[in-house]
Amino acid sequence: MKHEIIKDLLWRHSTKKYDSTKKVSDEDLNIIYKAISLSASSINSQPWRFIVIESQEARERMSRTFVNKYQFNQPHIFDSSQTILFAHNPKYTRENYAEVVDKGIEDGRTKPEDRESAFAGFFFAELNTDKNGDTSAWTKAQLYLALGNTLHTLARLRIDSTPMEGLDIELVNQEFKRELDGYQCEVALAIGYSHPTEDYNKNMVKTRRSLERILLKI
């Protein structure tokens, strides 16, 4: 199949070694960050925060979180152009949704007089809130919508990436507690450019289950 979308997805792979001498341009970073902000989320809740690790100090802080496990991902912190922490709000409230509603009014999507009725969608958030106010099962799921959108954006830009669930989440959330400000990191994404000779995954054949095994037309 020759469609550009398919070409992008066939090109993409999880990078195993980055070229530390190559950095993503500011122009491309701006596209990536805007694309992240345009990701879909349930009721347009946008219950997320994204922390970009790029300074040497931040890289060293992130590197320390690998002291106990997942050391195979540690080199990406220094070799990639940036590492992005994907975090969600584990206690999403009506006040959080009010920011979404008010931005909709500011952008002209919602009329000011319709502000109260715009909260109707929050009912779905309430359905996903337990008796302790925990919404993490729901808000964490939204992160993966943003992650998928970001991966495709990067492929379109021909920028390499590595999604990393191999994190010591407890240490990451402790180390970046101030920046996260109550949000919880669940997954990170290294971005940059593949090492020309040491990324063993770059030229391997992409393999997936057959479409006939996963797609059912009824």
N, C-alpha and C. Protein backbone atom coordinates (compact mmCIF):
# COMPACT_ATOMS: atom_id res chain seq x y z
N MET A 1 0.85 -1.19 0.00
CA MET A 1 0.00 0.00 0.00
C MET A 1 0.89 1.25 0.00
N LYS A 2 0.58 2.23 -0.85
CA LYS A 2 1.48 3.36 -1.04
C LYS A 2 1.00 4.65 -0.38
N HIS A 3 -0.09 4.59 0.38
CA HIS A 3 -0.60 5.80 1.00
C HIS A 3 0.42 6.37 1.98
N GLU A 4 0.48 7.71 2.08
CA GLU A 4 1.47 8.36 2.93
C GLU A 4 1.32 7.98 4.41
N ILE A 5 0.11 7.80 4.87
CA ILE A 5 -0.10 7.39 6.26
C ILE A 5 0.54 6.03 6.52
N ILE A 6 0.35 5.10 5.60
CA ILE A 6 0.93 3.77 5.75
C ILE A 6 2.45 3.84 5.68
N LYS A 7 2.97 4.67 4.79
CA LYS A 7 4.42 4.85 4.72
C LYS A 7 4.97 5.36 6.05
N ASP A 8 4.27 6.32 6.66
CA ASP A 8 4.71 6.86 7.96
C ASP A 8 4.77 5.75 9.01
N LEU A 9 3.71 4.94 9.06
CA LEU A 9 3.63 3.92 10.09
C LEU A 9 4.60 2.78 9.86
N LEU A 10 4.88 2.48 8.60
CA LEU A 10 5.89 1.47 8.30
C LEU A 10 7.29 1.97 8.63
N TRP A 11 7.51 3.26 8.49
CA TRP A 11 8.82 3.85 8.80
C TRP A 11 9.11 3.85 10.29
N ARG A 12 8.06 4.09 11.09
CA ARG A 12 8.24 4.24 12.53
C ARG A 12 8.70 2.96 13.20
N HIS A 13 9.60 3.09 14.17
CA HIS A 13 10.00 1.95 14.98
C HIS A 13 10.41 2.48 16.35
N SER A 14 10.50 1.63 17.32
CA SER A 14 10.99 2.04 18.64
C SER A 14 12.52 2.06 18.62
N THR A 15 13.06 3.24 18.68
CA THR A 15 14.50 3.42 18.55
C THR A 15 15.23 2.86 19.77
N LYS A 16 16.29 2.11 19.51
CA LYS A 16 17.06 1.47 20.59
C LYS A 16 18.36 2.20 20.90
N LYS A 17 18.79 3.07 19.98
CA LYS A 17 20.00 3.85 20.22
C LYS A 17 19.90 5.16 19.45
N TYR A 18 20.11 6.28 20.16
CA TYR A 18 20.01 7.60 19.54
C TYR A 18 21.38 8.16 19.21
N ASP A 19 21.39 9.05 18.22
CA ASP A 19 22.58 9.81 17.86
C ASP A 19 22.56 11.08 18.70
N SER A 20 23.41 11.13 19.71
CA SER A 20 23.38 12.25 20.66
C SER A 20 23.83 13.57 20.05
N THR A 21 24.41 13.53 18.84
CA THR A 21 24.89 14.75 18.20
C THR A 21 23.79 15.47 17.43
N LYS A 22 22.64 14.82 17.24
CA LYS A 22 21.56 15.40 16.45
C LYS A 22 20.39 15.79 17.33
N LYS A 23 19.90 17.01 17.14
CA LYS A 23 18.81 17.53 17.95
C LYS A 23 17.62 17.90 17.06
N VAL A 24 16.44 17.79 17.60
CA VAL A 24 15.22 18.19 16.90
C VAL A 24 15.18 19.71 16.83
N SER A 25 14.86 20.25 15.68
CA SER A 25 14.83 21.70 15.50
C SER A 25 13.69 22.33 16.30
N ASP A 26 13.83 23.61 16.61
CA ASP A 26 12.77 24.33 17.31
C ASP A 26 11.48 24.34 16.50
N GLU A 27 11.61 24.45 15.18
CA GLU A 27 10.43 24.45 14.32
C GLU A 27 9.66 23.14 14.46
N ASP A 28 10.36 22.02 14.43
CA ASP A 28 9.69 20.73 14.57
C ASP A 28 9.15 20.54 15.98
N LEU A 29 9.90 21.01 16.97
CA LEU A 29 9.41 20.89 18.35
C LEU A 29 8.10 21.64 18.52
N ASN A 30 7.99 22.80 17.93
CA ASN A 30 6.74 23.56 18.04
C ASN A 30 5.58 22.81 17.41
N ILE A 31 5.83 22.14 16.30
CA ILE A 31 4.79 21.32 15.66
C ILE A 31 4.40 20.17 16.58
N ILE A 32 5.38 19.50 17.15
CA ILE A 32 5.13 18.36 18.04
C ILE A 32 4.30 18.79 19.24
N TYR A 33 4.70 19.89 19.87
CA TYR A 33 4.00 20.34 21.07
C TYR A 33 2.57 20.77 20.74
N LYS A 34 2.38 21.41 19.60
CA LYS A 34 1.03 21.80 19.21
C LYS A 34 0.19 20.56 18.92
N ALA A 35 0.78 19.58 18.26
CA ALA A 35 0.06 18.33 17.97
C ALA A 35 -0.35 17.63 19.26
N ILE A 36 0.53 17.63 20.24
CA ILE A 36 0.19 17.02 21.54
C ILE A 36 -1.04 17.71 22.11
N SER A 37 -1.06 19.03 22.05
CA SER A 37 -2.18 19.77 22.64
C SER A 37 -3.49 19.53 21.89
N LEU A 38 -3.39 19.10 20.64
CA LEU A 38 -4.59 18.84 19.84
C LEU A 38 -5.07 17.39 19.95
N SER A 39 -4.46 16.61 20.80
CA SER A 39 -4.85 15.21 20.97
C SER A 39 -6.29 15.10 21.46
N ALA A 40 -6.94 14.03 21.04
CA ALA A 40 -8.31 13.77 21.50
C ALA A 40 -8.31 13.32 22.96
N SER A 41 -9.40 13.61 23.66
CA SER A 41 -9.59 13.10 25.02
C SER A 41 -11.08 13.02 25.31
N SER A 42 -11.46 12.13 26.19
CA SER A 42 -12.86 11.96 26.56
C SER A 42 -13.42 13.28 27.07
N ILE A 43 -14.58 13.67 26.58
CA ILE A 43 -15.28 14.93 26.86
C ILE A 43 -14.35 16.14 26.72
N ASN A 44 -13.31 16.00 25.92
CA ASN A 44 -12.32 17.07 25.75
C ASN A 44 -11.71 17.47 27.09
N SER A 45 -11.58 16.50 27.99
CA SER A 45 -11.14 16.78 29.36
C SER A 45 -9.71 17.28 29.45
N GLN A 46 -8.84 16.78 28.55
CA GLN A 46 -7.43 17.18 28.53
C GLN A 46 -6.80 17.09 29.93
N PRO A 47 -6.91 15.93 30.58
CA PRO A 47 -6.47 15.82 31.98
C PRO A 47 -4.98 15.52 32.11
N TRP A 48 -4.16 16.27 31.38
CA TRP A 48 -2.77 15.89 31.27
C TRP A 48 -1.82 17.06 31.49
N ARG A 49 -0.57 16.66 31.70
CA ARG A 49 0.55 17.61 31.76
C ARG A 49 1.74 16.91 31.14
N PHE A 50 2.55 17.68 30.40
CA PHE A 50 3.70 17.11 29.69
C PHE A 50 4.96 17.85 30.13
N ILE A 51 5.90 17.12 30.67
CA ILE A 51 7.15 17.70 31.17
C ILE A 51 8.26 17.35 30.18
N VAL A 52 8.89 18.36 29.60
CA VAL A 52 9.94 18.14 28.61
C VAL A 52 11.31 18.17 29.29
N ILE A 53 12.00 17.04 29.22
CA ILE A 53 13.34 16.91 29.80
C ILE A 53 14.35 17.25 28.71
N GLU A 54 15.06 18.39 28.84
CA GLU A 54 16.04 18.74 27.82
C GLU A 54 17.32 19.36 28.38
N SER A 55 17.27 20.02 29.53
CA SER A 55 18.49 20.60 30.10
C SER A 55 19.35 19.48 30.68
N GLN A 56 20.63 19.75 30.82
CA GLN A 56 21.54 18.76 31.40
C GLN A 56 21.12 18.42 32.82
N GLU A 57 20.71 19.43 33.57
CA GLU A 57 20.28 19.20 34.95
C GLU A 57 19.07 18.28 35.00
N ALA A 58 18.09 18.54 34.12
CA ALA A 58 16.88 17.71 34.10
C ALA A 58 17.20 16.28 33.67
N ARG A 59 18.12 16.13 32.72
CA ARG A 59 18.53 14.79 32.28
C ARG A 59 19.17 14.02 33.43
N GLU A 60 20.00 14.70 34.19
CA GLU A 60 20.66 14.04 35.32
C GLU A 60 19.64 13.63 36.38
N ARG A 61 18.66 14.49 36.61
CA ARG A 61 17.60 14.14 37.56
C ARG A 61 16.82 12.91 37.09
N MET A 62 16.48 12.91 35.79
CA MET A 62 15.75 11.78 35.24
C MET A 62 16.59 10.52 35.29
N SER A 63 17.86 10.65 35.01
CA SER A 63 18.76 9.49 35.02
C SER A 63 18.79 8.82 36.38
N ARG A 64 18.69 9.60 37.44
CA ARG A 64 18.73 9.06 38.80
C ARG A 64 17.55 8.15 39.10
N THR A 65 16.46 8.31 38.35
CA THR A 65 15.28 7.49 38.64
C THR A 65 15.44 6.05 38.15
N PHE A 66 16.53 5.75 37.45
CA PHE A 66 16.78 4.40 36.96
C PHE A 66 17.70 3.61 37.90
N VAL A 67 17.91 4.10 39.09
CA VAL A 67 18.88 3.48 40.00
C VAL A 67 18.49 2.04 40.34
N ASN A 68 17.20 1.73 40.38
CA ASN A 68 16.76 0.41 40.83
C ASN A 68 16.38 -0.54 39.70
N LYS A 69 15.90 -0.02 38.58
CA LYS A 69 15.41 -0.90 37.51
C LYS A 69 15.27 -0.16 36.19
N TYR A 70 15.05 -0.93 35.14
CA TYR A 70 14.84 -0.44 33.78
C TYR A 70 16.04 0.34 33.25
N GLN A 71 17.24 -0.09 33.65
CA GLN A 71 18.45 0.61 33.22
C GLN A 71 18.63 0.61 31.70
N PHE A 72 17.97 -0.32 31.00
CA PHE A 72 18.11 -0.37 29.54
C PHE A 72 17.56 0.88 28.87
N ASN A 73 16.66 1.61 29.55
CA ASN A 73 16.12 2.85 28.99
C ASN A 73 16.93 4.09 29.40
N GLN A 74 17.83 3.94 30.35
CA GLN A 74 18.57 5.08 30.89
C GLN A 74 19.39 5.83 29.84
N PRO A 75 20.07 5.15 28.91
CA PRO A 75 20.87 5.89 27.92
C PRO A 75 20.05 6.84 27.05
N HIS A 76 18.78 6.55 26.85
CA HIS A 76 17.95 7.43 26.02
C HIS A 76 17.85 8.83 26.62
N ILE A 77 17.95 8.92 27.93
CA ILE A 77 17.78 10.21 28.60
C ILE A 77 18.85 11.20 28.16
N PHE A 78 20.06 10.70 27.96
CA PHE A 78 21.16 11.56 27.55
C PHE A 78 21.35 11.61 26.04
N ASP A 79 21.02 10.53 25.34
CA ASP A 79 21.29 10.47 23.90
C ASP A 79 20.19 11.07 23.04
N SER A 80 18.96 11.03 23.51
CA SER A 80 17.86 11.56 22.72
C SER A 80 17.89 13.09 22.75
N SER A 81 17.13 13.69 21.85
CA SER A 81 17.04 15.14 21.81
C SER A 81 16.26 15.67 23.01
N GLN A 82 15.13 15.07 23.28
CA GLN A 82 14.29 15.38 24.44
C GLN A 82 13.61 14.11 24.93
N THR A 83 13.23 14.12 26.19
CA THR A 83 12.35 13.09 26.73
C THR A 83 11.14 13.80 27.31
N ILE A 84 9.96 13.32 26.95
CA ILE A 84 8.73 13.95 27.41
C ILE A 84 8.03 13.03 28.40
N LEU A 85 7.74 13.55 29.59
CA LEU A 85 6.97 12.80 30.58
C LEU A 85 5.49 13.06 30.33
N PHE A 86 4.72 11.99 30.19
CA PHE A 86 3.28 12.09 30.01
C PHE A 86 2.61 11.83 31.36
N ALA A 87 1.90 12.83 31.87
CA ALA A 87 1.31 12.72 33.21
C ALA A 87 -0.18 13.06 33.16
N HIS A 88 -0.93 12.47 34.07
CA HIS A 88 -2.38 12.69 34.11
C HIS A 88 -2.81 13.16 35.49
N ASN A 89 -4.00 13.74 35.53
CA ASN A 89 -4.58 14.22 36.79
C ASN A 89 -5.37 13.07 37.42
N PRO A 90 -4.92 12.54 38.57
CA PRO A 90 -5.61 11.39 39.17
C PRO A 90 -6.88 11.76 39.94
N LYS A 91 -7.13 13.06 40.08
CA LYS A 91 -8.34 13.51 40.80
C LYS A 91 -8.96 14.66 40.00
N TYR A 92 -9.48 14.32 38.85
CA TYR A 92 -10.05 15.31 37.95
C TYR A 92 -11.40 15.77 38.47
N THR A 93 -11.57 17.09 38.63
CA THR A 93 -12.77 17.63 39.25
C THR A 93 -13.54 18.56 38.31
N ARG A 94 -14.68 18.99 38.78
CA ARG A 94 -15.48 19.97 38.03
C ARG A 94 -14.68 21.25 37.83
N GLU A 95 -13.89 21.63 38.81
CA GLU A 95 -13.05 22.82 38.68
C GLU A 95 -12.04 22.66 37.54
N ASN A 96 -11.48 21.47 37.38
CA ASN A 96 -10.57 21.21 36.26
C ASN A 96 -11.31 21.34 34.93
N TYR A 97 -12.53 20.81 34.89
CA TYR A 97 -13.31 20.89 33.65
C TYR A 97 -13.72 22.32 33.34
N ALA A 98 -13.85 23.13 34.38
CA ALA A 98 -14.22 24.53 34.18
C ALA A 98 -13.18 25.25 33.32
N GLU A 99 -11.91 24.87 33.46
CA GLU A 99 -10.87 25.46 32.63
C GLU A 99 -11.14 25.16 31.15
N VAL A 100 -11.59 23.94 30.87
CA VAL A 100 -11.91 23.55 29.49
C VAL A 100 -13.12 24.34 28.98
N VAL A 101 -14.15 24.44 29.81
CA VAL A 101 -15.36 25.16 29.42
C VAL A 101 -15.05 26.63 29.16
N ASP A 102 -14.29 27.24 30.05
CA ASP A 102 -13.99 28.67 29.90
C ASP A 102 -13.09 28.94 28.71
N LYS A 103 -12.19 28.00 28.40
CA LYS A 103 -11.36 28.16 27.20
C LYS A 103 -12.24 28.05 25.95
N GLY A 104 -13.27 27.21 26.02
CA GLY A 104 -14.21 27.09 24.91
C GLY A 104 -14.97 28.39 24.68
N ILE A 105 -15.28 29.08 25.76
CA ILE A 105 -15.94 30.38 25.64
C ILE A 105 -14.97 31.40 25.04
N GLU A 106 -13.74 31.38 25.53
CA GLU A 106 -12.72 32.29 25.01
C GLU A 106 -12.48 32.08 23.52
N ASP A 107 -12.49 30.82 23.08
CA ASP A 107 -12.21 30.49 21.69
C ASP A 107 -13.44 30.63 20.79
N GLY A 108 -14.61 30.89 21.37
CA GLY A 108 -15.81 31.07 20.57
C GLY A 108 -16.58 29.80 20.30
N ARG A 109 -16.19 28.71 20.91
CA ARG A 109 -16.92 27.44 20.72
C ARG A 109 -18.24 27.46 21.49
N THR A 110 -18.19 28.04 22.68
CA THR A 110 -19.35 28.07 23.56
C THR A 110 -19.75 29.52 23.83
N LYS A 111 -21.03 29.81 23.81
CA LYS A 111 -21.51 31.15 24.14
C LYS A 111 -21.46 31.35 25.65
N PRO A 112 -21.09 32.53 26.11
CA PRO A 112 -21.01 32.77 27.56
C PRO A 112 -22.29 32.39 28.31
N GLU A 113 -23.43 32.66 27.69
CA GLU A 113 -24.69 32.36 28.35
C GLU A 113 -24.97 30.85 28.44
N ASP A 114 -24.19 30.07 27.68
CA ASP A 114 -24.37 28.61 27.71
C ASP A 114 -23.35 27.92 28.60
N ARG A 115 -22.65 28.69 29.41
CA ARG A 115 -21.57 28.12 30.22
C ARG A 115 -22.05 26.97 31.09
N GLU A 116 -23.14 27.15 31.80
CA GLU A 116 -23.59 26.11 32.72
C GLU A 116 -23.98 24.84 31.99
N SER A 117 -24.66 24.97 30.87
CA SER A 117 -25.07 23.78 30.12
C SER A 117 -23.88 23.05 29.53
N ALA A 118 -22.75 23.75 29.37
CA ALA A 118 -21.55 23.12 28.82
C ALA A 118 -20.95 22.10 29.79
N PHE A 119 -21.38 22.15 31.03
CA PHE A 119 -20.88 21.19 32.02
C PHE A 119 -21.60 19.84 31.94
N ALA A 120 -22.54 19.69 31.03
CA ALA A 120 -23.29 18.43 30.92
C ALA A 120 -22.35 17.25 30.70
N GLY A 121 -21.30 17.47 29.92
CA GLY A 121 -20.36 16.39 29.63
C GLY A 121 -19.61 15.90 30.84
N PHE A 122 -19.55 16.72 31.88
CA PHE A 122 -18.80 16.31 33.07
C PHE A 122 -19.44 15.10 33.75
N PHE A 123 -20.68 14.83 33.42
CA PHE A 123 -21.35 13.64 33.95
C PHE A 123 -20.52 12.38 33.70
N PHE A 124 -19.86 12.33 32.53
CA PHE A 124 -19.06 11.14 32.23
C PHE A 124 -17.85 11.04 33.14
N ALA A 125 -17.28 12.18 33.52
CA ALA A 125 -16.17 12.17 34.47
C ALA A 125 -16.65 11.65 35.83
N GLU A 126 -17.84 12.07 36.21
CA GLU A 126 -18.40 11.62 37.49
C GLU A 126 -18.62 10.11 37.49
N LEU A 127 -19.00 9.57 36.34
CA LEU A 127 -19.19 8.13 36.23
C LEU A 127 -17.87 7.37 36.44
N ASN A 128 -16.76 8.05 36.19
CA ASN A 128 -15.44 7.44 36.30
C ASN A 128 -14.67 7.92 37.52
N THR A 129 -15.40 8.39 38.53
CA THR A 129 -14.80 8.86 39.78
C THR A 129 -15.26 7.96 40.91
N ASP A 130 -14.30 7.41 41.67
CA ASP A 130 -14.71 6.53 42.77
C ASP A 130 -15.05 7.36 44.02
N LYS A 131 -15.41 6.68 45.09
CA LYS A 131 -15.89 7.37 46.29
C LYS A 131 -14.81 8.21 46.96
N ASN A 132 -13.55 7.96 46.59
CA ASN A 132 -12.45 8.75 47.14
C ASN A 132 -12.01 9.88 46.21
N GLY A 133 -12.76 10.08 45.13
CA GLY A 133 -12.42 11.13 44.19
C GLY A 133 -11.33 10.74 43.20
N ASP A 134 -11.03 9.46 43.12
CA ASP A 134 -9.97 8.97 42.24
C ASP A 134 -10.52 8.77 40.82
N THR A 135 -9.89 9.44 39.87
CA THR A 135 -10.30 9.31 38.46
C THR A 135 -9.18 8.70 37.62
N SER A 136 -8.16 8.15 38.26
CA SER A 136 -6.92 7.78 37.56
C SER A 136 -7.12 6.73 36.46
N ALA A 137 -8.03 5.78 36.65
CA ALA A 137 -8.23 4.77 35.61
C ALA A 137 -8.69 5.43 34.31
N TRP A 138 -9.52 6.46 34.44
CA TRP A 138 -10.05 7.18 33.29
C TRP A 138 -9.04 8.16 32.72
N THR A 139 -8.43 8.97 33.58
CA THR A 139 -7.51 10.00 33.08
C THR A 139 -6.22 9.38 32.53
N LYS A 140 -5.78 8.27 33.10
CA LYS A 140 -4.59 7.61 32.56
C LYS A 140 -4.84 7.14 31.14
N ALA A 141 -6.05 6.67 30.87
CA ALA A 141 -6.38 6.19 29.52
C ALA A 141 -6.24 7.31 28.49
N GLN A 142 -6.50 8.55 28.90
CA GLN A 142 -6.40 9.67 27.96
C GLN A 142 -4.96 9.92 27.52
N LEU A 143 -4.01 9.59 28.40
CA LEU A 143 -2.60 9.77 28.06
C LEU A 143 -2.21 8.99 26.81
N TYR A 144 -2.79 7.81 26.67
CA TYR A 144 -2.41 6.95 25.56
C TYR A 144 -3.01 7.43 24.24
N LEU A 145 -4.10 8.19 24.31
CA LEU A 145 -4.60 8.85 23.11
C LEU A 145 -3.58 9.90 22.66
N ALA A 146 -3.06 10.66 23.63
CA ALA A 146 -2.05 11.68 23.31
C ALA A 146 -0.76 11.03 22.83
N LEU A 147 -0.39 9.91 23.44
CA LEU A 147 0.84 9.23 23.04
C LEU A 147 0.74 8.73 21.60
N GLY A 148 -0.38 8.11 21.25
CA GLY A 148 -0.55 7.61 19.90
C GLY A 148 -0.51 8.72 18.87
N ASN A 149 -1.18 9.83 19.18
CA ASN A 149 -1.17 10.98 18.28
C ASN A 149 0.25 11.52 18.10
N THR A 150 1.00 11.57 19.19
CA THR A 150 2.37 12.08 19.13
C THR A 150 3.27 11.17 18.31
N LEU A 151 3.11 9.85 18.47
CA LEU A 151 3.92 8.91 17.70
C LEU A 151 3.71 9.08 16.20
N HIS A 152 2.46 9.28 15.81
CA HIS A 152 2.19 9.45 14.37
C HIS A 152 2.73 10.79 13.88
N THR A 153 2.60 11.82 14.69
CA THR A 153 3.15 13.13 14.32
C THR A 153 4.66 13.03 14.11
N LEU A 154 5.34 12.36 15.01
CA LEU A 154 6.79 12.19 14.89
C LEU A 154 7.15 11.41 13.63
N ALA A 155 6.38 10.38 13.32
CA ALA A 155 6.65 9.60 12.12
C ALA A 155 6.48 10.46 10.87
N ARG A 156 5.47 11.31 10.87
CA ARG A 156 5.25 12.19 9.73
C ARG A 156 6.44 13.14 9.54
N LEU A 157 7.04 13.57 10.66
CA LEU A 157 8.18 14.47 10.62
C LEU A 157 9.51 13.73 10.44
N ARG A 158 9.44 12.40 10.41
CA ARG A 158 10.63 11.55 10.32
C ARG A 158 11.58 11.81 11.49
N ILE A 159 10.97 11.88 12.68
CA ILE A 159 11.71 12.00 13.93
C ILE A 159 11.51 10.70 14.69
N ASP A 160 12.60 10.12 15.16
CA ASP A 160 12.55 8.83 15.85
C ASP A 160 12.02 8.99 17.27
N SER A 161 11.56 7.87 17.81
CA SER A 161 10.98 7.92 19.16
C SER A 161 11.03 6.56 19.84
N THR A 162 10.92 6.61 21.16
CA THR A 162 10.85 5.40 21.97
C THR A 162 9.86 5.60 23.10
N PRO A 163 8.67 4.99 23.03
CA PRO A 163 7.75 5.05 24.18
C PRO A 163 8.34 4.22 25.32
N MET A 164 8.29 4.76 26.54
CA MET A 164 8.91 4.06 27.67
C MET A 164 7.95 3.93 28.84
N GLU A 165 7.39 2.72 28.98
CA GLU A 165 6.69 2.38 30.22
C GLU A 165 7.69 1.78 31.21
N GLY A 166 8.89 1.48 30.72
CA GLY A 166 9.94 0.96 31.59
C GLY A 166 10.54 2.08 32.42
N LEU A 167 9.75 2.56 33.37
CA LEU A 167 10.15 3.64 34.27
C LEU A 167 9.86 3.22 35.71
N ASP A 168 10.65 3.71 36.62
CA ASP A 168 10.33 3.56 38.04
C ASP A 168 9.40 4.72 38.38
N ILE A 169 8.11 4.49 38.19
CA ILE A 169 7.12 5.56 38.30
C ILE A 169 7.18 6.26 39.66
N GLU A 170 7.40 5.48 40.71
CA GLU A 170 7.45 6.08 42.05
C GLU A 170 8.59 7.09 42.15
N LEU A 171 9.76 6.71 41.63
CA LEU A 171 10.90 7.62 41.70
C LEU A 171 10.73 8.81 40.76
N VAL A 172 10.17 8.58 39.57
CA VAL A 172 9.94 9.68 38.63
C VAL A 172 9.00 10.72 39.24
N ASN A 173 7.91 10.25 39.82
CA ASN A 173 6.94 11.17 40.41
C ASN A 173 7.50 11.88 41.64
N GLN A 174 8.40 11.22 42.32
CA GLN A 174 9.05 11.85 43.47
C GLN A 174 10.06 12.90 43.01
N GLU A 175 10.86 12.56 42.01
CA GLU A 175 11.91 13.47 41.53
C GLU A 175 11.32 14.74 40.90
N PHE A 176 10.21 14.59 40.20
CA PHE A 176 9.62 15.73 39.50
C PHE A 176 8.31 16.18 40.15
N LYS A 177 8.22 15.98 41.44
CA LYS A 177 7.00 16.30 42.19
C LYS A 177 6.60 17.77 42.02
N ARG A 178 7.57 18.66 42.06
CA ARG A 178 7.27 20.09 41.96
C ARG A 178 6.69 20.41 40.58
N GLU A 179 7.34 19.92 39.53
CA GLU A 179 6.88 20.20 38.18
C GLU A 179 5.53 19.53 37.88
N LEU A 180 5.33 18.35 38.41
CA LEU A 180 4.09 17.62 38.15
C LEU A 180 2.92 18.22 38.91
N ASP A 181 3.18 18.75 40.09
CA ASP A 181 2.17 19.48 40.86
C ASP A 181 0.86 18.71 41.00
N GLY A 182 0.97 17.47 41.45
CA GLY A 182 -0.22 16.65 41.68
C GLY A 182 -0.57 15.71 40.54
N TYR A 183 -0.04 15.95 39.36
CA TYR A 183 -0.23 15.03 38.25
C TYR A 183 0.69 13.83 38.44
N GLN A 184 0.35 12.73 37.77
CA GLN A 184 1.11 11.50 37.93
C GLN A 184 1.65 11.04 36.57
N CYS A 185 2.97 10.90 36.49
CA CYS A 185 3.58 10.39 35.26
C CYS A 185 3.36 8.88 35.17
N GLU A 186 3.04 8.41 33.97
CA GLU A 186 2.83 6.98 33.75
C GLU A 186 3.72 6.43 32.64
N VAL A 187 4.10 7.29 31.69
CA VAL A 187 4.86 6.84 30.54
C VAL A 187 5.69 8.02 30.04
N ALA A 188 6.82 7.73 29.42
CA ALA A 188 7.66 8.79 28.86
C ALA A 188 7.94 8.47 27.39
N LEU A 189 8.34 9.50 26.66
CA LEU A 189 8.62 9.34 25.24
C LEU A 189 9.94 10.04 24.91
N ALA A 190 10.94 9.26 24.51
CA ALA A 190 12.20 9.83 24.03
C ALA A 190 12.04 10.16 22.56
N ILE A 191 12.57 11.31 22.13
CA ILE A 191 12.50 11.69 20.72
C ILE A 191 13.88 12.16 20.25
N GLY A 192 14.14 12.00 18.98
CA GLY A 192 15.43 12.41 18.45
C GLY A 192 15.71 11.71 17.13
N TYR A 193 16.97 11.33 16.94
CA TYR A 193 17.35 10.71 15.68
C TYR A 193 18.17 9.45 15.94
N SER A 194 17.80 8.42 15.25
CA SER A 194 18.43 7.11 15.41
C SER A 194 19.92 7.15 15.12
N HIS A 195 20.68 6.39 15.91
CA HIS A 195 22.11 6.25 15.64
C HIS A 195 22.29 5.50 14.33
N PRO A 196 23.13 6.00 13.44
CA PRO A 196 23.22 5.40 12.09
C PRO A 196 23.69 3.95 12.06
N THR A 197 24.40 3.49 13.08
CA THR A 197 24.91 2.11 13.03
C THR A 197 24.51 1.27 14.24
N GLU A 198 24.13 1.89 15.35
CA GLU A 198 23.92 1.14 16.59
C GLU A 198 22.46 0.91 16.96
N ASP A 199 21.55 1.46 16.18
CA ASP A 199 20.12 1.21 16.43
C ASP A 199 19.72 -0.06 15.69
N TYR A 200 19.80 -1.18 16.39
CA TYR A 200 19.58 -2.48 15.74
C TYR A 200 18.14 -2.66 15.26
N ASN A 201 17.23 -1.89 15.79
CA ASN A 201 15.82 -2.07 15.43
C ASN A 201 15.42 -1.30 14.16
N LYS A 202 16.30 -0.42 13.72
CA LYS A 202 15.95 0.49 12.62
C LYS A 202 15.61 -0.22 11.32
N ASN A 203 16.39 -1.21 10.95
CA ASN A 203 16.22 -1.85 9.65
C ASN A 203 15.57 -3.23 9.72
N MET A 204 15.04 -3.57 10.89
CA MET A 204 14.37 -4.86 11.01
C MET A 204 12.99 -4.80 10.35
N VAL A 205 12.56 -5.91 9.80
CA VAL A 205 11.25 -5.99 9.15
C VAL A 205 10.16 -5.73 10.17
N LYS A 206 9.22 -4.85 9.83
CA LYS A 206 8.08 -4.60 10.72
C LYS A 206 7.08 -5.74 10.56
N THR A 207 6.66 -6.30 11.66
CA THR A 207 5.72 -7.42 11.60
C THR A 207 4.53 -7.16 12.53
N ARG A 208 3.35 -7.46 12.04
CA ARG A 208 2.12 -7.29 12.82
C ARG A 208 1.21 -8.50 12.54
N ARG A 209 0.28 -8.75 13.44
CA ARG A 209 -0.72 -9.78 13.19
C ARG A 209 -1.49 -9.43 11.92
N SER A 210 -1.93 -10.43 11.22
CA SER A 210 -2.62 -10.18 9.96
C SER A 210 -3.93 -9.44 10.21
N LEU A 211 -4.30 -8.60 9.25
CA LEU A 211 -5.53 -7.83 9.36
C LEU A 211 -6.74 -8.74 9.53
N GLU A 212 -6.70 -9.89 8.87
CA GLU A 212 -7.82 -10.84 8.96
C GLU A 212 -8.01 -11.39 10.37
N ARG A 213 -6.93 -11.38 11.16
CA ARG A 213 -7.00 -11.90 12.52
C ARG A 213 -7.52 -10.87 13.55
N ILE A 214 -7.43 -9.59 13.18
CA ILE A 214 -7.80 -8.56 14.15
C ILE A 214 -9.01 -7.74 13.75
N LEU A 215 -9.42 -7.82 12.48
CA LEU A 215 -10.52 -6.99 11.98
C LEU A 215 -11.70 -7.87 11.59
N LEU A 216 -12.85 -7.60 12.17
CA LEU A 216 -14.05 -8.38 11.88
C LEU A 216 -15.12 -7.45 11.33
N LYS A 217 -15.58 -7.74 10.13
CA LYS A 217 -16.66 -6.98 9.51
C LYS A 217 -17.96 -7.72 9.72
N ILE A 218 -18.97 -7.03 10.26
CA ILE A 218 -20.26 -7.69 10.53
C ILE A 218 -21.40 -6.88 9.92
